[in-house]
Amino acid sequence: MNVELAVGLAGFVGLTGGLVTGLAIRWTELAQGRAQPPQPPVVALPPGVSSVLNVLPSSAVVLDTDDKVLRASSAARAFGMVSGDRLMVDEILALARRVRRDGEIREAEVQVGVADSRWFAVRVAPLGSGGLVLVLAEDLTEMRRVESIRRDFSANVSHELKTPVGALLLLAETVQDAAEDQVAVRRFAGRMQLEAARLSSLVQDLITLSYVQGEEPLAQEEPVAVADLVADAVDRATLTAQAREIHLGVAVTPDLYVRGDEELLVMALKNLVDNAIAYSPERTKVAISTRVVDDEERPYAEISVTDQGIGIPEPELERIFERFYRVDPARSRQTGGTGLGLAIVKHVATKHGGEVIVWSKEGSGSTFTLRLPLREHPRSLDQSVREDNP
């Protein structure tokens, strides 16, 4: 074999090997392409949608054609509607599928969660023409709570007014039938006066509660001496205490001043003293004391009312400031309470930038503390003004 033939054969073998290798690589690529299905195109949000969703007050979720979450607001995730890329509320997901199918906008009220459930007004609509769906959810929980409170309040007011009004009607009929019996007339007239006083007290408490619950500022705001508040409240409760032989002990720190409506503050403190008297055994003691507490932000004046009464069960402590709530309804009827006294105390304290604190133990009595922001002595304020403006 000559050299030229050998070189030609070697070239032919090399060319054949290259072709075979190229065909093998191409066949492998085609096989891999057939093994992997084509990926669906990525669906993007229409231009400007993200910017709009960022400023919406409602919880917002955008679903793609496979029900995966493309976009979800932080509120939607915080409320548990979305986890990862999945919508977790089956009822909302069913609405979204129906909207995607027929393009009709749908609305519903949906409950989310079990233990700490919340209610949402949900509106689901198609977003563009690519199968995207927009879910908007507005939190209705607070509105439902307020509506429930309003219904309960109306029912309680109706019930509380019905009792004295019914009693007055019955007593009026009895007096009319016993017109010739002067002794009976006087007895029933006394009962009518008692029921009328209870009705008047209830109406006045309702008016006061409506005022202190409002957001409008106090009609009167001036420096008020804590000693004067205590003296006025004790003076108004003295006759009731004497009738039950309960001693009112007073220990007041001098020169303490708060700022606010003196009449409201006296009413709140008197409510606490009246409660202490009503729920204490006869021939016991109710103590009213004051002190200064230095808080991290500002000093406070504390007015505490301590009794030796029956105490309050621990499970009831969180509810005693609710309107018309009574730990012992039968005893409240005997004492003539309206069920609004502690609610008024709470809202008066809040309106003055303070709070009311309670400690109680069954069989060991209770202590209610009215905490109010401490103000400087008026004379100190006047002196500082004169120094600044010689």
Protein backbone atom coordinates (compact mmCIF):
# COMPACT_ATOMS: atom_id res chain seq x y z
CA MET A 1 0.00 0.00 0.00
CA ASN A 2 1.52 3.25 -0.94
CA VAL A 3 1.59 6.30 1.27
CA GLU A 4 -1.12 8.19 -0.61
CA LEU A 5 -3.60 5.36 -0.22
CA ALA A 6 -2.93 5.12 3.50
CA VAL A 7 -3.47 8.84 3.97
CA GLY A 8 -6.75 8.66 2.05
CA LEU A 9 -8.06 5.80 4.13
CA ALA A 10 -7.14 7.59 7.36
CA GLY A 11 -9.01 10.71 6.25
CA PHE A 12 -12.09 8.68 5.30
CA VAL A 13 -12.14 6.98 8.71
CA GLY A 14 -11.80 10.34 10.50
CA LEU A 15 -14.61 11.86 8.47
CA THR A 16 -16.88 8.89 9.12
CA GLY A 17 -16.18 9.03 12.86
CA GLY A 18 -16.99 12.76 12.97
CA LEU A 19 -20.26 12.23 11.17
CA VAL A 20 -21.25 9.41 13.49
CA THR A 21 -20.42 11.47 16.57
CA GLY A 22 -22.38 14.45 15.27
CA LEU A 23 -25.39 12.30 14.49
CA ALA A 24 -25.23 10.73 17.97
CA ILE A 25 -25.17 14.14 19.65
CA ARG A 26 -28.06 15.36 17.52
CA TRP A 27 -30.10 12.23 18.25
CA THR A 28 -29.50 12.70 22.00
CA GLU A 29 -30.69 16.32 21.86
CA LEU A 30 -33.81 15.32 19.99
CA ALA A 31 -34.51 12.51 22.46
CA GLN A 32 -34.14 14.90 25.40
CA GLY A 33 -36.45 17.35 23.69
CA ARG A 34 -39.11 14.68 23.25
CA ALA A 35 -38.72 13.54 26.92
CA GLN A 36 -39.34 17.05 28.37
CA PRO A 37 -42.76 18.58 27.62
CA PRO A 38 -42.74 22.18 26.49
CA GLN A 39 -42.95 24.65 29.39
CA PRO A 40 -46.02 26.92 29.47
CA PRO A 41 -45.32 30.55 28.85
CA VAL A 42 -44.89 32.68 31.96
CA VAL A 43 -47.94 34.87 32.54
CA ALA A 44 -47.08 38.40 33.57
CA LEU A 45 -49.25 41.01 35.22
CA PRO A 46 -50.62 43.71 32.94
CA PRO A 47 -48.65 46.96 33.07
CA GLY A 48 -49.52 49.17 36.04
CA VAL A 49 -51.41 46.48 37.98
CA SER A 50 -48.67 46.04 40.59
CA SER A 51 -48.62 49.78 41.31
CA VAL A 52 -52.40 49.82 41.77
CA LEU A 53 -52.37 46.78 44.07
CA ASN A 54 -49.74 48.42 46.27
CA VAL A 55 -52.05 51.32 47.15
CA LEU A 56 -55.30 49.38 47.59
CA PRO A 57 -56.58 49.35 51.22
CA SER A 58 -58.09 45.88 50.73
CA SER A 59 -56.23 42.57 50.80
CA ALA A 60 -55.39 41.75 47.17
CA VAL A 61 -54.48 38.48 45.43
CA VAL A 62 -53.85 37.77 41.72
CA LEU A 63 -54.22 34.16 40.52
CA ASP A 64 -52.91 32.73 37.25
CA THR A 65 -54.60 30.12 35.05
CA ASP A 66 -53.37 27.29 37.34
CA ASP A 67 -54.70 28.96 40.52
CA LYS A 68 -51.19 29.87 41.58
CA VAL A 69 -50.66 33.20 43.32
CA LEU A 70 -48.82 35.67 41.12
CA ARG A 71 -49.18 38.57 43.51
CA ALA A 72 -50.47 38.87 47.10
CA SER A 73 -50.50 41.85 49.44
CA SER A 74 -48.88 41.57 52.85
CA ALA A 75 -52.32 41.84 54.47
CA ALA A 76 -53.58 38.80 52.54
CA ARG A 77 -50.66 36.77 53.82
CA ALA A 78 -50.99 38.11 57.36
CA PHE A 79 -54.67 37.11 57.49
CA GLY A 80 -53.78 33.57 56.34
CA MET A 81 -55.43 33.79 52.92
CA VAL A 82 -52.19 33.00 51.09
CA SER A 83 -49.38 30.61 51.91
CA GLY A 84 -46.48 30.43 49.49
CA ASP A 85 -48.03 30.50 46.01
CA ARG A 86 -51.37 28.99 47.04
CA LEU A 87 -54.70 30.55 48.00
CA MET A 88 -55.69 28.80 51.25
CA VAL A 89 -59.42 29.66 51.42
CA ASP A 90 -61.42 27.08 49.48
CA GLU A 91 -64.52 29.26 49.18
CA ILE A 92 -62.57 32.11 47.58
CA LEU A 93 -60.75 29.66 45.30
CA ALA A 94 -64.09 28.25 44.09
CA LEU A 95 -65.30 31.78 43.33
CA ALA A 96 -62.10 32.49 41.36
CA ARG A 97 -62.57 29.37 39.21
CA ARG A 98 -66.16 30.31 38.42
CA VAL A 99 -65.11 33.84 37.47
CA ARG A 100 -62.35 32.49 35.22
CA ARG A 101 -64.85 30.16 33.55
CA ASP A 102 -67.60 32.65 32.69
CA GLY A 103 -65.98 36.07 33.21
CA GLU A 104 -68.70 37.26 35.61
CA ILE A 105 -67.73 39.38 38.65
CA ARG A 106 -68.78 37.74 41.92
CA GLU A 107 -69.09 38.96 45.54
CA ALA A 108 -69.49 37.10 48.84
CA GLU A 109 -68.86 37.37 52.57
CA VAL A 110 -66.33 34.79 53.67
CA GLN A 111 -65.08 33.68 57.09
CA VAL A 112 -61.32 33.09 57.31
CA GLY A 113 -59.79 31.07 60.13
CA VAL A 114 -61.35 29.13 62.99
CA ALA A 115 -59.95 30.03 66.40
CA ASP A 116 -59.34 33.69 65.54
CA SER A 117 -61.74 33.96 62.64
CA ARG A 118 -62.31 37.12 60.64
CA TRP A 119 -65.02 38.08 58.17
CA PHE A 120 -64.25 39.55 54.74
CA ALA A 121 -66.30 41.08 51.95
CA VAL A 122 -64.72 39.37 48.92
CA ARG A 123 -64.98 40.64 45.33
CA VAL A 124 -63.55 38.47 42.53
CA ALA A 125 -63.13 39.73 38.93
CA PRO A 126 -61.28 38.74 35.76
CA LEU A 127 -58.02 40.63 35.16
CA GLY A 128 -57.34 41.11 31.48
CA SER A 129 -57.93 38.38 28.88
CA GLY A 130 -55.18 35.93 29.83
CA GLY A 131 -57.10 33.98 32.47
CA LEU A 132 -55.82 36.02 35.42
CA VAL A 133 -58.22 36.59 38.33
CA LEU A 134 -58.14 39.42 40.88
CA VAL A 135 -59.38 38.83 44.45
CA LEU A 136 -60.07 41.82 46.72
CA ALA A 137 -61.03 41.21 50.37
CA GLU A 138 -62.14 43.93 52.78
CA ASP A 139 -61.99 43.13 56.50
CA LEU A 140 -65.48 43.33 58.04
CA THR A 141 -64.56 41.96 61.47
CA GLU A 142 -64.58 45.27 63.33
CA MET A 143 -67.76 46.42 61.61
CA ARG A 144 -69.49 43.15 62.58
CA ARG A 145 -68.27 43.53 66.16
CA VAL A 146 -69.63 47.08 66.35
CA GLU A 147 -72.95 45.94 64.89
CA SER A 148 -73.16 43.16 67.47
CA ILE A 149 -72.43 45.62 70.29
CA ARG A 150 -75.06 48.01 68.93
CA ARG A 151 -77.67 45.26 68.79
CA ASP A 152 -76.83 44.09 72.30
CA PHE A 153 -76.91 47.65 73.57
CA SER A 154 -80.32 48.32 72.04
CA ALA A 155 -81.67 45.09 73.48
CA ASN A 156 -80.25 45.87 76.93
CA VAL A 157 -81.56 49.43 76.92
CA SER A 158 -85.02 48.19 75.93
CA HIS A 159 -84.97 45.63 78.72
CA GLU A 160 -83.69 48.05 81.35
CA LEU A 161 -86.26 50.70 80.42
CA LYS A 162 -89.06 48.16 80.27
CA THR A 163 -88.70 47.21 83.94
CA PRO A 164 -89.22 50.62 85.60
CA VAL A 165 -91.73 51.77 83.00
CA GLY A 166 -93.79 48.60 83.49
CA ALA A 167 -93.58 49.02 87.26
CA LEU A 168 -94.79 52.63 87.02
CA LEU A 169 -97.77 51.63 84.85
CA LEU A 170 -98.73 48.87 87.27
CA LEU A 171 -98.38 51.14 90.30
CA ALA A 172 -100.41 53.88 88.62
CA GLU A 173 -103.25 51.41 88.01
CA THR A 174 -103.03 50.21 91.61
CA VAL A 175 -103.19 53.76 92.98
CA GLN A 176 -106.22 54.46 90.82
CA ASP A 177 -108.00 51.35 92.12
CA ALA A 178 -107.11 52.19 95.73
CA ALA A 179 -108.01 55.88 95.56
CA GLU A 180 -110.14 55.64 98.69
CA ASP A 181 -107.38 53.99 100.75
CA GLN A 182 -105.03 56.80 101.75
CA VAL A 183 -102.50 54.48 103.38
CA ALA A 184 -102.25 52.35 100.23
CA VAL A 185 -102.01 55.45 98.03
CA ARG A 186 -99.09 56.79 100.07
CA ARG A 187 -97.33 53.40 99.99
CA PHE A 188 -97.74 52.97 96.25
CA ALA A 189 -96.82 56.61 95.59
CA GLY A 190 -93.53 55.99 97.41
CA ARG A 191 -92.88 52.98 95.18
CA MET A 192 -93.66 55.10 92.13
CA GLN A 193 -91.13 57.69 93.26
CA LEU A 194 -88.53 54.94 93.66
CA GLU A 195 -89.13 53.54 90.17
CA ALA A 196 -89.19 57.04 88.66
CA ALA A 197 -85.84 57.80 90.32
CA ARG A 198 -84.41 54.55 88.93
CA LEU A 199 -85.67 55.45 85.46
CA SER A 200 -84.24 58.95 85.72
CA SER A 201 -80.88 57.55 86.84
CA LEU A 202 -80.80 55.13 83.92
CA VAL A 203 -81.58 57.85 81.38
CA GLN A 204 -78.94 60.15 82.89
CA ASP A 205 -76.33 57.37 82.82
CA LEU A 206 -77.15 56.67 79.18
CA ILE A 207 -76.69 60.34 78.31
CA THR A 208 -73.39 60.47 80.20
CA LEU A 209 -72.10 57.28 78.63
CA SER A 210 -73.00 58.51 75.15
CA TYR A 211 -71.01 61.68 75.81
CA VAL A 212 -67.87 60.10 77.27
CA GLN A 213 -67.75 57.48 74.51
CA GLY A 214 -67.72 60.14 71.79
CA GLU A 215 -64.58 61.46 70.14
CA GLU A 216 -65.37 65.12 70.73
CA PRO A 217 -63.09 66.90 73.24
CA LEU A 218 -64.16 67.64 76.78
CA ALA A 219 -66.55 70.57 77.04
CA GLN A 220 -64.79 71.79 80.20
CA GLU A 221 -61.14 71.22 80.97
CA GLU A 222 -59.43 72.87 83.91
CA PRO A 223 -57.01 72.02 86.74
CA VAL A 224 -58.86 69.98 89.37
CA ALA A 225 -57.56 69.28 92.88
CA VAL A 226 -57.62 65.55 93.65
CA ALA A 227 -58.47 66.32 97.28
CA ASP A 228 -61.58 68.19 96.14
CA LEU A 229 -62.62 65.26 93.93
CA VAL A 230 -62.36 62.85 96.84
CA ALA A 231 -64.15 65.18 99.25
CA ASP A 232 -67.04 65.76 96.82
CA ALA A 233 -67.46 62.06 95.98
CA VAL A 234 -67.36 61.04 99.65
CA ASP A 235 -69.86 63.75 100.58
CA ARG A 236 -72.34 62.50 97.95
CA ALA A 237 -71.99 58.90 99.20
CA THR A 238 -72.11 59.60 102.94
CA LEU A 239 -75.86 59.09 103.44
CA THR A 240 -75.77 55.72 101.64
CA ALA A 241 -72.78 54.63 103.73
CA GLN A 242 -74.42 55.71 106.99
CA ALA A 243 -77.58 53.78 106.16
CA ARG A 244 -75.50 50.59 106.03
CA GLU A 245 -73.15 51.62 108.89
CA ILE A 246 -70.13 51.57 106.59
CA HIS A 247 -67.21 53.79 107.56
CA LEU A 248 -65.60 55.84 104.78
CA GLY A 249 -61.89 56.27 105.50
CA VAL A 250 -59.99 58.93 103.54
CA ALA A 251 -56.23 59.38 103.14
CA VAL A 252 -55.40 62.05 100.57
CA THR A 253 -52.03 63.37 99.41
CA PRO A 254 -52.18 67.19 99.32
CA ASP A 255 -51.45 69.38 96.28
CA LEU A 256 -52.23 66.82 93.62
CA TYR A 257 -53.86 68.23 90.51
CA VAL A 258 -55.25 66.64 87.35
CA ARG A 259 -56.79 68.35 84.35
CA GLY A 260 -60.25 67.69 83.02
CA ASP A 261 -63.99 67.96 83.64
CA GLU A 262 -64.50 68.08 87.40
CA GLU A 263 -68.13 66.91 87.30
CA LEU A 264 -67.29 63.86 85.20
CA LEU A 265 -64.36 62.96 87.42
CA VAL A 266 -66.49 63.28 90.56
CA MET A 267 -69.18 61.11 88.97
CA ALA A 268 -66.63 58.41 88.08
CA LEU A 269 -65.16 58.38 91.59
CA LYS A 270 -68.61 58.39 93.18
CA ASN A 271 -69.57 55.37 91.06
CA LEU A 272 -66.58 53.50 92.48
CA VAL A 273 -67.47 54.49 96.05
CA ASP A 274 -71.14 53.58 95.54
CA ASN A 275 -70.15 50.15 94.20
CA ALA A 276 -67.85 49.57 97.14
CA ILE A 277 -70.67 50.41 99.57
CA ALA A 278 -73.28 48.35 97.72
CA TYR A 279 -71.16 45.20 97.61
CA SER A 280 -69.76 45.41 101.15
CA PRO A 281 -71.29 43.84 104.29
CA GLU A 282 -72.79 46.21 106.84
CA ARG A 283 -70.52 47.68 109.52
CA THR A 284 -67.37 47.37 107.40
CA LYS A 285 -64.98 49.96 105.98
CA VAL A 286 -64.41 51.51 102.55
CA ALA A 287 -61.05 53.28 102.15
CA ILE A 288 -60.32 56.04 99.63
CA SER A 289 -56.63 56.87 99.19
CA THR A 290 -54.37 58.72 96.75
CA ARG A 291 -50.74 58.53 95.71
CA VAL A 292 -48.34 59.62 92.95
CA VAL A 293 -46.89 57.08 90.52
CA ASP A 294 -43.91 57.98 88.32
CA ASP A 295 -44.50 56.35 84.95
CA GLU A 296 -41.80 56.12 82.27
CA GLU A 297 -43.42 58.94 80.30
CA ARG A 298 -45.13 61.06 82.95
CA PRO A 299 -46.31 61.03 86.58
CA TYR A 300 -49.85 59.90 87.41
CA ALA A 301 -52.20 60.50 90.30
CA GLU A 302 -53.90 57.33 91.54
CA ILE A 303 -57.17 57.37 93.46
CA SER A 304 -57.94 53.96 94.96
CA VAL A 305 -61.21 52.73 96.47
CA THR A 306 -60.83 49.59 98.59
CA ASP A 307 -63.68 47.62 100.17
CA GLN A 308 -64.07 44.55 102.35
CA GLY A 309 -66.84 43.11 100.22
CA ILE A 310 -67.61 39.84 98.51
CA GLY A 311 -64.97 40.24 95.78
CA ILE A 312 -65.24 39.44 92.09
CA PRO A 313 -64.58 36.00 90.55
CA GLU A 314 -61.46 36.07 88.38
CA PRO A 315 -63.25 35.01 85.16
CA GLU A 316 -65.56 38.03 85.52
CA LEU A 317 -62.82 40.64 85.89
CA GLU A 318 -62.44 41.18 82.14
CA ARG A 319 -66.17 41.85 81.66
CA ILE A 320 -67.13 44.06 84.58
CA PHE A 321 -66.56 47.25 82.56
CA GLU A 322 -69.01 46.18 79.83
CA ARG A 323 -72.28 48.08 79.62
CA PHE A 324 -75.12 46.44 81.55
CA TYR A 325 -72.89 43.55 82.62
CA ARG A 326 -73.59 42.42 86.17
CA VAL A 327 -71.69 39.77 88.10
CA ASP A 328 -74.77 39.18 90.28
CA PRO A 329 -77.93 40.47 88.53
CA ALA A 330 -80.17 39.72 91.54
CA ARG A 331 -77.98 41.78 93.87
CA SER A 332 -77.80 44.61 91.34
CA ARG A 333 -81.60 44.84 91.29
CA GLN A 334 -81.60 45.06 95.07
CA THR A 335 -79.03 47.85 95.11
CA GLY A 336 -80.81 49.75 92.32
CA GLY A 337 -77.80 49.87 90.00
CA THR A 338 -78.19 50.55 86.29
CA GLY A 339 -75.29 48.36 85.16
CA LEU A 340 -73.58 51.36 83.53
CA GLY A 341 -71.53 52.70 86.44
CA LEU A 342 -68.24 50.93 85.73
CA ALA A 343 -68.60 51.50 81.97
CA ILE A 344 -68.86 55.22 82.70
CA VAL A 345 -65.78 55.04 84.97
CA LYS A 346 -63.76 53.34 82.22
CA HIS A 347 -64.70 55.85 79.51
CA VAL A 348 -64.26 58.88 81.78
CA ALA A 349 -60.75 57.69 82.62
CA THR A 350 -59.95 57.09 78.94
CA LYS A 351 -61.30 60.50 77.92
CA HIS A 352 -58.95 62.09 80.47
CA GLY A 353 -55.90 60.18 79.19
CA GLY A 354 -55.97 57.70 82.07
CA GLU A 355 -57.28 54.25 82.93
CA VAL A 356 -59.05 52.28 85.65
CA ILE A 357 -57.38 49.24 87.22
CA VAL A 358 -59.05 46.56 89.33
CA TRP A 359 -57.75 44.01 91.81
CA SER A 360 -60.16 41.61 93.44
CA LYS A 361 -60.30 38.26 95.20
CA GLU A 362 -63.42 36.41 96.22
CA GLY A 363 -64.04 36.80 99.92
CA SER A 364 -61.25 39.39 100.31
CA GLY A 365 -62.78 42.51 98.74
CA SER A 366 -61.79 44.65 95.78
CA THR A 367 -59.67 47.67 94.95
CA PHE A 368 -60.53 49.92 92.01
CA THR A 369 -57.87 52.48 91.05
CA LEU A 370 -58.52 55.53 88.91
CA ARG A 371 -55.21 56.59 87.32
CA LEU A 372 -55.08 60.09 85.80
CA PRO A 373 -52.19 62.15 84.35
CA LEU A 374 -50.81 64.44 87.04
CA ARG A 375 -50.75 68.19 86.35
CA GLU A 376 -48.69 70.93 87.91
CA HIS A 377 -50.15 73.03 90.67
CA PRO A 378 -52.03 75.98 89.10
CA ARG A 379 -50.01 78.44 91.17
CA SER A 380 -46.80 76.92 89.80
CA LEU A 381 -48.11 77.36 86.27
CA ASP A 382 -49.06 80.99 86.96
CA GLN A 383 -45.61 81.64 88.47
CA SER A 384 -43.83 80.17 85.43
CA VAL A 385 -45.93 82.35 83.12
CA ARG A 386 -45.01 85.47 85.10
CA GLU A 387 -41.32 84.55 84.98
CA ASP A 388 -41.46 84.01 81.21
CA ASN A 389 -43.37 87.27 80.70
CA PRO A 390 -41.98 89.85 83.15
